[in-house]
PDB file of N, CA and C in Angstrom:
ATOM      1  N   UNK A   1      89.664  94.232  84.127  1.00  0.00           N
ATOM      2  CA  UNK A   1      90.705  94.190  85.148  1.00  0.00           C
ATOM      3  C   UNK A   1      91.714  95.306  84.878  1.00  0.00           C
ATOM      4  N   UNK A   2      92.173  95.927  85.929  1.00  0.00           N
ATOM      5  CA  UNK A   2      93.134  97.018  85.808  1.00  0.00           C
ATOM      6  C   UNK A   2      94.498  96.486  85.371  1.00  0.00           C
ATOM      7  N   UNK A   3      95.276  97.385  84.814  1.00  0.00           N
ATOM      8  CA  UNK A   3      96.630  97.016  84.426  1.00  0.00           C
ATOM      9  C   UNK A   3      97.512  96.952  85.670  1.00  0.00           C
ATOM     10  N   UNK A   4      98.506  96.056  85.651  1.00  0.00           N
ATOM     11  CA  UNK A   4      99.424  95.999  86.790  1.00  0.00           C
ATOM     12  C   UNK A   4     100.242  97.283  86.885  1.00  0.00           C
ATOM     13  N   UNK A   5     100.625  97.635  88.113  1.00  0.00           N
ATOM     14  CA  UNK A   5     101.478  98.803  88.321  1.00  0.00           C
ATOM     15  C   UNK A   5     102.918  98.494  87.919  1.00  0.00           C
ATOM     16  N   UNK A   6     103.323  97.224  88.101  1.00  0.00           N
ATOM     17  CA  UNK A   6     104.710  96.844  87.823  1.00  0.00           C
ATOM     18  C   UNK A   6     104.821  95.321  87.817  1.00  0.00           C
ATOM     19  N   UNK A   7     105.763  94.797  87.047  1.00  0.00           N
ATOM     20  CA  UNK A   7     106.062  93.368  87.043  1.00  0.00           C
ATOM     21  C   UNK A   7     107.560  93.177  87.190  1.00  0.00           C
ATOM     22  N   UNK A   8     107.929  92.141  87.946  1.00  0.00           N
ATOM     23  CA  UNK A   8     109.332  91.783  88.131  1.00  0.00           C
ATOM     24  C   UNK A   8     109.449  90.303  87.795  1.00  0.00           C
ATOM     25  N   UNK A   9     110.368  89.968  86.873  1.00  0.00           N
ATOM     26  CA  UNK A   9     110.476  88.598  86.389  1.00  0.00           C
ATOM     27  C   UNK A   9     111.910  88.099  86.498  1.00  0.00           C
ATOM     28  N   UNK A  10     112.009  86.807  86.785  1.00  0.00           N
ATOM     29  CA  UNK A  10     113.282  86.094  86.723  1.00  0.00           C
ATOM     30  C   UNK A  10     112.981  84.692  86.226  1.00  0.00           C
ATOM     31  N   UNK A  11     113.391  84.400  85.015  1.00  0.00           N
ATOM     32  CA  UNK A  11     113.119  83.092  84.434  1.00  0.00           C
ATOM     33  C   UNK A  11     111.633  82.822  84.370  1.00  0.00           C
ATOM     34  N   UNK A  12     111.205  81.707  84.940  1.00  0.00           N
ATOM     35  CA  UNK A  12     109.797  81.323  84.895  1.00  0.00           C
ATOM     36  C   UNK A  12     108.974  81.981  85.999  1.00  0.00           C
ATOM     37  N   UNK A  13     109.642  82.701  86.902  1.00  0.00           N
ATOM     38  CA  UNK A  13     108.935  83.312  88.033  1.00  0.00           C
ATOM     39  C   UNK A  13     108.654  84.782  87.760  1.00  0.00           C
ATOM     40  N   UNK A  14     107.485  85.224  88.218  1.00  0.00           N
ATOM     41  CA  UNK A  14     107.095  86.614  88.034  1.00  0.00           C
ATOM     42  C   UNK A  14     106.270  87.073  89.237  1.00  0.00           C
ATOM     43  N   UNK A  15     106.508  88.298  89.644  1.00  0.00           N
ATOM     44  CA  UNK A  15     105.717  88.935  90.688  1.00  0.00           C
ATOM     45  C   UNK A  15     105.050  90.148  90.053  1.00  0.00           C
ATOM     46  N   UNK A  16     103.728  90.214  90.158  1.00  0.00           N
ATOM     47  CA  UNK A  16     102.965  91.332  89.623  1.00  0.00           C
ATOM     48  C   UNK A  16     102.487  92.185  90.784  1.00  0.00           C
ATOM     49  N   UNK A  17     102.712  93.493  90.670  1.00  0.00           N
ATOM     50  CA  UNK A  17     102.296  94.433  91.701  1.00  0.00           C
ATOM     51  C   UNK A  17     101.086  95.201  91.188  1.00  0.00           C
ATOM     52  N   UNK A  18     100.053  95.247  92.018  1.00  0.00           N
ATOM     53  CA  UNK A  18      98.802  95.927  91.673  1.00  0.00           C
ATOM     54  C   UNK A  18      98.604  97.129  92.591  1.00  0.00           C
ATOM     55  N   UNK A  19      98.212  98.257  92.013  1.00  0.00           N
ATOM     56  CA  UNK A  19      97.873  99.432  92.811  1.00  0.00           C
ATOM     57  C   UNK A  19      96.358  99.486  92.945  1.00  0.00           C
ATOM     58  N   UNK A  20      95.898  99.608  94.183  1.00  0.00           N
ATOM     59  CA  UNK A  20      94.471  99.639  94.477  1.00  0.00           C
ATOM     60  C   UNK A  20      94.137 100.957  95.159  1.00  0.00           C
ATOM     61  N   UNK A  21      92.987 101.512  94.859  1.00  0.00           N
ATOM     62  CA  UNK A  21      92.539 102.742  95.496  1.00  0.00           C
ATOM     63  C   UNK A  21      91.414 102.426  96.465  1.00  0.00           C
ATOM     64  N   UNK A  22      91.562 102.911  97.690  1.00  0.00           N
ATOM     65  CA  UNK A  22      90.557 102.680  98.716  1.00  0.00           C
ATOM     66  C   UNK A  22      90.151 103.981  99.381  1.00  0.00           C
ATOM     67  N   UNK A  23      89.271 103.895 100.338  1.00  0.00           N
ATOM     68  CA  UNK A  23      88.794 105.073 101.055  1.00  0.00           C
ATOM     69  C   UNK A  23      89.915 105.817 101.772  1.00  0.00           C
ATOM     70  N   UNK A  24      90.932 105.076 102.205  1.00  0.00           N
ATOM     71  CA  UNK A  24      92.048 105.677 102.936  1.00  0.00           C
ATOM     72  C   UNK A  24      93.255 105.928 102.040  1.00  0.00           C
ATOM     73  N   UNK A  25      93.066 105.861 100.735  1.00  0.00           N
ATOM     74  CA  UNK A  25      94.164 106.095  99.798  1.00  0.00           C
ATOM     75  C   UNK A  25      94.589 104.827  99.080  1.00  0.00           C
ATOM     76  N   UNK A  26      95.702 104.944  98.398  1.00  0.00           N
ATOM     77  CA  UNK A  26      96.203 103.834  97.591  1.00  0.00           C
ATOM     78  C   UNK A  26      96.879 102.784  98.474  1.00  0.00           C
ATOM     79  N   UNK A  27      96.766 101.525  98.047  1.00  0.00           N
ATOM     80  CA  UNK A  27      97.478 100.422  98.675  1.00  0.00           C
ATOM     81  C   UNK A  27      97.863  99.437  97.577  1.00  0.00           C
ATOM     82  N   UNK A  28      98.832  98.610  97.866  1.00  0.00           N
ATOM     83  CA  UNK A  28      99.378  97.702  96.865  1.00  0.00           C
ATOM     84  C   UNK A  28      99.186  96.246  97.284  1.00  0.00           C
ATOM     85  N   UNK A  29      99.034  95.395  96.291  1.00  0.00           N
ATOM     86  CA  UNK A  29      99.005  93.950  96.511  1.00  0.00           C
ATOM     87  C   UNK A  29      99.942  93.290  95.503  1.00  0.00           C
ATOM     88  N   UNK A  30     100.337  92.066  95.805  1.00  0.00           N
ATOM     89  CA  UNK A  30     101.333  91.361  94.990  1.00  0.00           C
ATOM     90  C   UNK A  30     100.823  89.960  94.659  1.00  0.00           C
ATOM     91  N   UNK A  31     101.007  89.556  93.407  1.00  0.00           N
ATOM     92  CA  UNK A  31     100.633  88.214  92.962  1.00  0.00           C
ATOM     93  C   UNK A  31     101.868  87.510  92.404  1.00  0.00           C
ATOM     94  N   UNK A  32     102.366  86.463  93.077  1.00  0.00           N
ATOM     95  CA  UNK A  32     103.483  85.682  92.521  1.00  0.00           C
ATOM     96  C   UNK A  32     102.954  84.567  91.617  1.00  0.00           C
ATOM     97  N   UNK A  33     103.693  84.280  90.541  1.00  0.00           N
ATOM     98  CA  UNK A  33     103.298  83.206  89.626  1.00  0.00           C
ATOM     99  C   UNK A  33     104.530  82.528  89.043  1.00  0.00           C
ATOM    100  N   UNK A  34     104.336  81.292  88.649  1.00  0.00           N
ATOM    101  CA  UNK A  34     105.371  80.546  87.930  1.00  0.00           C
ATOM    102  C   UNK A  34     104.767  80.060  86.632  1.00  0.00           C
ATOM    103  N   UNK A  35     105.461  80.296  85.530  1.00  0.00           N
ATOM    104  CA  UNK A  35     105.023  79.822  84.213  1.00  0.00           C
ATOM    105  C   UNK A  35     105.659  78.468  83.934  1.00  0.00           C
ATOM    106  N   UNK A  36     104.925  77.633  83.227  1.00  0.00           N
ATOM    107  CA  UNK A  36     105.465  76.339  82.814  1.00  0.00           C
ATOM    108  C   UNK A  36     104.776  75.924  81.511  1.00  0.00           C
ATOM    109  N   UNK A  37     105.449  75.070  80.777  1.00  0.00           N
ATOM    110  CA  UNK A  37     104.911  74.602  79.509  1.00  0.00           C
ATOM    111  C   UNK A  37     104.403  73.178  79.679  1.00  0.00           C
ATOM    112  N   UNK A  38     103.157  72.968  79.277  1.00  0.00           N
ATOM    113  CA  UNK A  38     102.553  71.634  79.307  1.00  0.00           C
ATOM    114  C   UNK A  38     102.188  71.300  77.872  1.00  0.00           C
ATOM    115  N   UNK A  39     102.951  70.401  77.283  1.00  0.00           N
ATOM    116  CA  UNK A  39     102.774  70.122  75.856  1.00  0.00           C
ATOM    117  C   UNK A  39     103.196  71.350  75.063  1.00  0.00           C
ATOM    118  N   UNK A  40     102.296  71.889  74.267  1.00  0.00           N
ATOM    119  CA  UNK A  40     102.576  73.082  73.475  1.00  0.00           C
ATOM    120  C   UNK A  40     102.033  74.364  74.109  1.00  0.00           C
ATOM    121  N   UNK A  41     101.343  74.230  75.235  1.00  0.00           N
ATOM    122  CA  UNK A  41     100.686  75.391  75.844  1.00  0.00           C
ATOM    123  C   UNK A  41     101.436  75.870  77.085  1.00  0.00           C
ATOM    124  N   UNK A  42     101.515  77.204  77.226  1.00  0.00           N
ATOM    125  CA  UNK A  42     102.072  77.803  78.426  1.00  0.00           C
ATOM    126  C   UNK A  42     100.967  77.978  79.449  1.00  0.00           C
ATOM    127  N   UNK A  43     101.278  77.664  80.692  1.00  0.00           N
ATOM    128  CA  UNK A  43     100.323  77.798  81.783  1.00  0.00           C
ATOM    129  C   UNK A  43     100.989  78.530  82.939  1.00  0.00           C
ATOM    130  N   UNK A  44     100.174  78.960  83.902  1.00  0.00           N
ATOM    131  CA  UNK A  44     100.688  79.627  85.088  1.00  0.00           C
ATOM    132  C   UNK A  44     100.145  78.934  86.334  1.00  0.00           C
ATOM    133  N   UNK A  45     100.943  78.984  87.402  1.00  0.00           N
ATOM    134  CA  UNK A  45     100.524  78.395  88.668  1.00  0.00           C
ATOM    135  C   UNK A  45     100.999  79.273  89.815  1.00  0.00           C
ATOM    136  N   UNK A  46     100.361  79.123  90.957  1.00  0.00           N
ATOM    137  CA  UNK A  46     100.825  79.792  92.170  1.00  0.00           C
ATOM    138  C   UNK A  46     101.454  78.773  93.123  1.00  0.00           C
ATOM    139  N   UNK A  47     101.891  77.654  92.564  1.00  0.00           N
ATOM    140  CA  UNK A  47     102.578  76.611  93.303  1.00  0.00           C
ATOM    141  C   UNK A  47     104.071  76.668  92.950  1.00  0.00           C
ATOM    142  N   UNK A  48     104.924  76.575  93.962  1.00  0.00           N
ATOM    143  CA  UNK A  48     106.355  76.728  93.748  1.00  0.00           C
ATOM    144  C   UNK A  48     107.116  75.553  94.306  1.00  0.00           C
ATOM    145  N   UNK A  49     108.178  75.171  93.611  1.00  0.00           N
ATOM    146  CA  UNK A  49     109.030  74.085  94.059  1.00  0.00           C
ATOM    147  C   UNK A  49     110.176  74.593  94.909  1.00  0.00           C
ATOM    148  N   UNK A  50     110.894  73.667  95.493  1.00  0.00           N
ATOM    149  CA  UNK A  50     112.029  73.984  96.353  1.00  0.00           C
ATOM    150  C   UNK A  50     113.016  74.929  95.667  1.00  0.00           C
ATOM    151  N   UNK A  51     113.346  74.642  94.409  1.00  0.00           N
ATOM    152  CA  UNK A  51     114.331  75.451  93.686  1.00  0.00           C
ATOM    153  C   UNK A  51     113.824  76.852  93.357  1.00  0.00           C
ATOM    154  N   UNK A  52     112.533  77.083  93.456  1.00  0.00           N
ATOM    155  CA  UNK A  52     111.958  78.407  93.181  1.00  0.00           C
ATOM    156  C   UNK A  52     112.031  79.339  94.388  1.00  0.00           C
ATOM    157  N   UNK A  53     112.157  78.801  95.577  1.00  0.00           N
ATOM    158  CA  UNK A  53     111.909  79.574  96.787  1.00  0.00           C
ATOM    159  C   UNK A  53     112.851  80.754  96.998  1.00  0.00           C
ATOM    160  N   UNK A  54     114.143  80.575  96.824  1.00  0.00           N
ATOM    161  CA  UNK A  54     115.061  81.693  97.033  1.00  0.00           C
ATOM    162  C   UNK A  54     114.894  82.768  95.969  1.00  0.00           C
ATOM    163  N   UNK A  55     114.662  82.365  94.728  1.00  0.00           N
ATOM    164  CA  UNK A  55     114.419  83.342  93.664  1.00  0.00           C
ATOM    165  C   UNK A  55     113.117  84.093  93.943  1.00  0.00           C
ATOM    166  N   UNK A  56     112.087  83.381  94.348  1.00  0.00           N
ATOM    167  CA  UNK A  56     110.820  84.023  94.683  1.00  0.00           C
ATOM    168  C   UNK A  56     110.997  84.999  95.845  1.00  0.00           C
ATOM    169  N   UNK A  57     111.773  84.604  96.846  1.00  0.00           N
ATOM    170  CA  UNK A  57     112.032  85.497  97.976  1.00  0.00           C
ATOM    171  C   UNK A  57     112.702  86.782  97.502  1.00  0.00           C
ATOM    172  N   UNK A  58     113.641  86.680  96.572  1.00  0.00           N
ATOM    173  CA  UNK A  58     114.313  87.875  96.040  1.00  0.00           C
ATOM    174  C   UNK A  58     113.331  88.741  95.260  1.00  0.00           C
ATOM    175  N   UNK A  59     112.480  88.119  94.459  1.00  0.00           N
ATOM    176  CA  UNK A  59     111.489  88.895  93.706  1.00  0.00           C
ATOM    177  C   UNK A  59     110.527  89.609  94.650  1.00  0.00           C
ATOM    178  N   UNK A  60     110.126  88.946  95.717  1.00  0.00           N
ATOM    179  CA  UNK A  60     109.246  89.579  96.702  1.00  0.00           C
ATOM    180  C   UNK A  60     109.965  90.720  97.423  1.00  0.00           C
ATOM    181  N   UNK A  61     111.259  90.555  97.686  1.00  0.00           N
ATOM    182  CA  UNK A  61     112.056  91.617  98.281  1.00  0.00           C
ATOM    183  C   UNK A  61     112.104  92.833  97.348  1.00  0.00           C
ATOM    184  N   UNK A  62     112.321  92.588  96.067  1.00  0.00           N
ATOM    185  CA  UNK A  62     112.343  93.675  95.088  1.00  0.00           C
ATOM    186  C   UNK A  62     110.979  94.356  94.986  1.00  0.00           C
ATOM    187  N   UNK A  63     109.907  93.572  95.057  1.00  0.00           N
ATOM    188  CA  UNK A  63     108.557  94.139  95.025  1.00  0.00           C
ATOM    189  C   UNK A  63     108.330  95.012  96.256  1.00  0.00           C
ATOM    190  N   UNK A  64     108.786  94.551  97.400  1.00  0.00           N
ATOM    191  CA  UNK A  64     108.662  95.316  98.637  1.00  0.00           C
ATOM    192  C   UNK A  64     109.366  96.663  98.507  1.00  0.00           C
ATOM    193  N   UNK A  65     110.587  96.657  97.984  1.00  0.00           N
ATOM    194  CA  UNK A  65     111.346  97.890  97.780  1.00  0.00           C
ATOM    195  C   UNK A  65     110.628  98.813  96.809  1.00  0.00           C
ATOM    196  N   UNK A  66     110.122  98.271  95.713  1.00  0.00           N
ATOM    197  CA  UNK A  66     109.417  99.077  94.711  1.00  0.00           C
ATOM    198  C   UNK A  66     108.199  99.755  95.338  1.00  0.00           C
ATOM    199  N   UNK A  67     107.439  99.006  96.119  1.00  0.00           N
ATOM    200  CA  UNK A  67     106.244  99.567  96.758  1.00  0.00           C
ATOM    201  C   UNK A  67     106.626 100.647  97.772  1.00  0.00           C
ATOM    202  N   UNK A  68     107.642 100.397  98.594  1.00  0.00           N
ATOM    203  CA  UNK A  68     108.086 101.400  99.558  1.00  0.00           C
ATOM    204  C   UNK A  68     108.476 102.706  98.877  1.00  0.00           C
ATOM    205  N   UNK A  69     109.203 102.609  97.780  1.00  0.00           N
ATOM    206  CA  UNK A  69     109.613 103.810  97.042  1.00  0.00           C
ATOM    207  C   UNK A  69     108.405 104.574  96.519  1.00  0.00           C
ATOM    208  N   UNK A  70     107.409 103.867  96.001  1.00  0.00           N
ATOM    209  CA  UNK A  70     106.194 104.532  95.496  1.00  0.00           C
ATOM    210  C   UNK A  70     105.420 105.197  96.630  1.00  0.00           C
ATOM    211  N   UNK A  71     105.304 104.494  97.751  1.00  0.00           N
ATOM    212  CA  UNK A  71     104.583 105.063  98.890  1.00  0.00           C
ATOM    213  C   UNK A  71     105.272 106.325  99.410  1.00  0.00           C
ATOM    214  N   UNK A  72     106.592 106.307  99.456  1.00  0.00           N
ATOM    215  CA  UNK A  72     107.334 107.479  99.921  1.00  0.00           C
ATOM    216  C   UNK A  72     107.151 108.650  98.955  1.00  0.00           C
ATOM    217  N   UNK A  73     107.213 108.398  97.658  1.00  0.00           N
ATOM    218  CA  UNK A  73     107.042 109.494  96.692  1.00  0.00           C
ATOM    219  C   UNK A  73     105.597 110.011  96.691  1.00  0.00           C
ATOM    220  N   UNK A  74     104.620 109.123  96.938  1.00  0.00           N
ATOM    221  CA  UNK A  74     103.233 109.553  97.010  1.00  0.00           C
ATOM    222  C   UNK A  74     102.994 110.436  98.238  1.00  0.00           C
ATOM    223  N   UNK A  75     103.653 110.110  99.366  1.00  0.00           N
ATOM    224  CA  UNK A  75     103.503 110.927 100.570  1.00  0.00           C
ATOM    225  C   UNK A  75     104.122 112.309 100.375  1.00  0.00           C
ATOM    226  N   UNK A  76     105.265 112.350  99.680  1.00  0.00           N
ATOM    227  CA  UNK A  76     105.919 113.644  99.433  1.00  0.00           C
ATOM    228  C   UNK A  76     105.057 114.515  98.514  1.00  0.00           C
ATOM    229  N   UNK A  77     104.373 113.880  97.559  1.00  0.00           N
ATOM    230  CA  UNK A  77     103.541 114.620  96.600  1.00  0.00           C
ATOM    231  C   UNK A  77     102.255 115.137  97.236  1.00  0.00           C
ATOM    232  N   UNK A  78     101.835 114.509  98.326  1.00  0.00           N
ATOM    233  CA  UNK A  78     100.551 114.894  98.949  1.00  0.00           C
ATOM    234  C   UNK A  78     100.672 116.126  99.817  1.00  0.00           C
TER     235      UNK A  78
END
């Protein structure tokens, strides 16, 4: 698996940004996750509670901005 292009974290929430190469050039995808501890083991889920939603929305907003900036710099370089 490829390395992530960028990660943005706040507490137990994290958004991972992936850069993908396709026939029409690069494109990005985003994976949101929440970490939690079950017993002694840390686990991850893509399920979010009510209290996670606004923080997740902010992380997704930051991911959107990060991707836009990369796309703009890639267009200038081309």
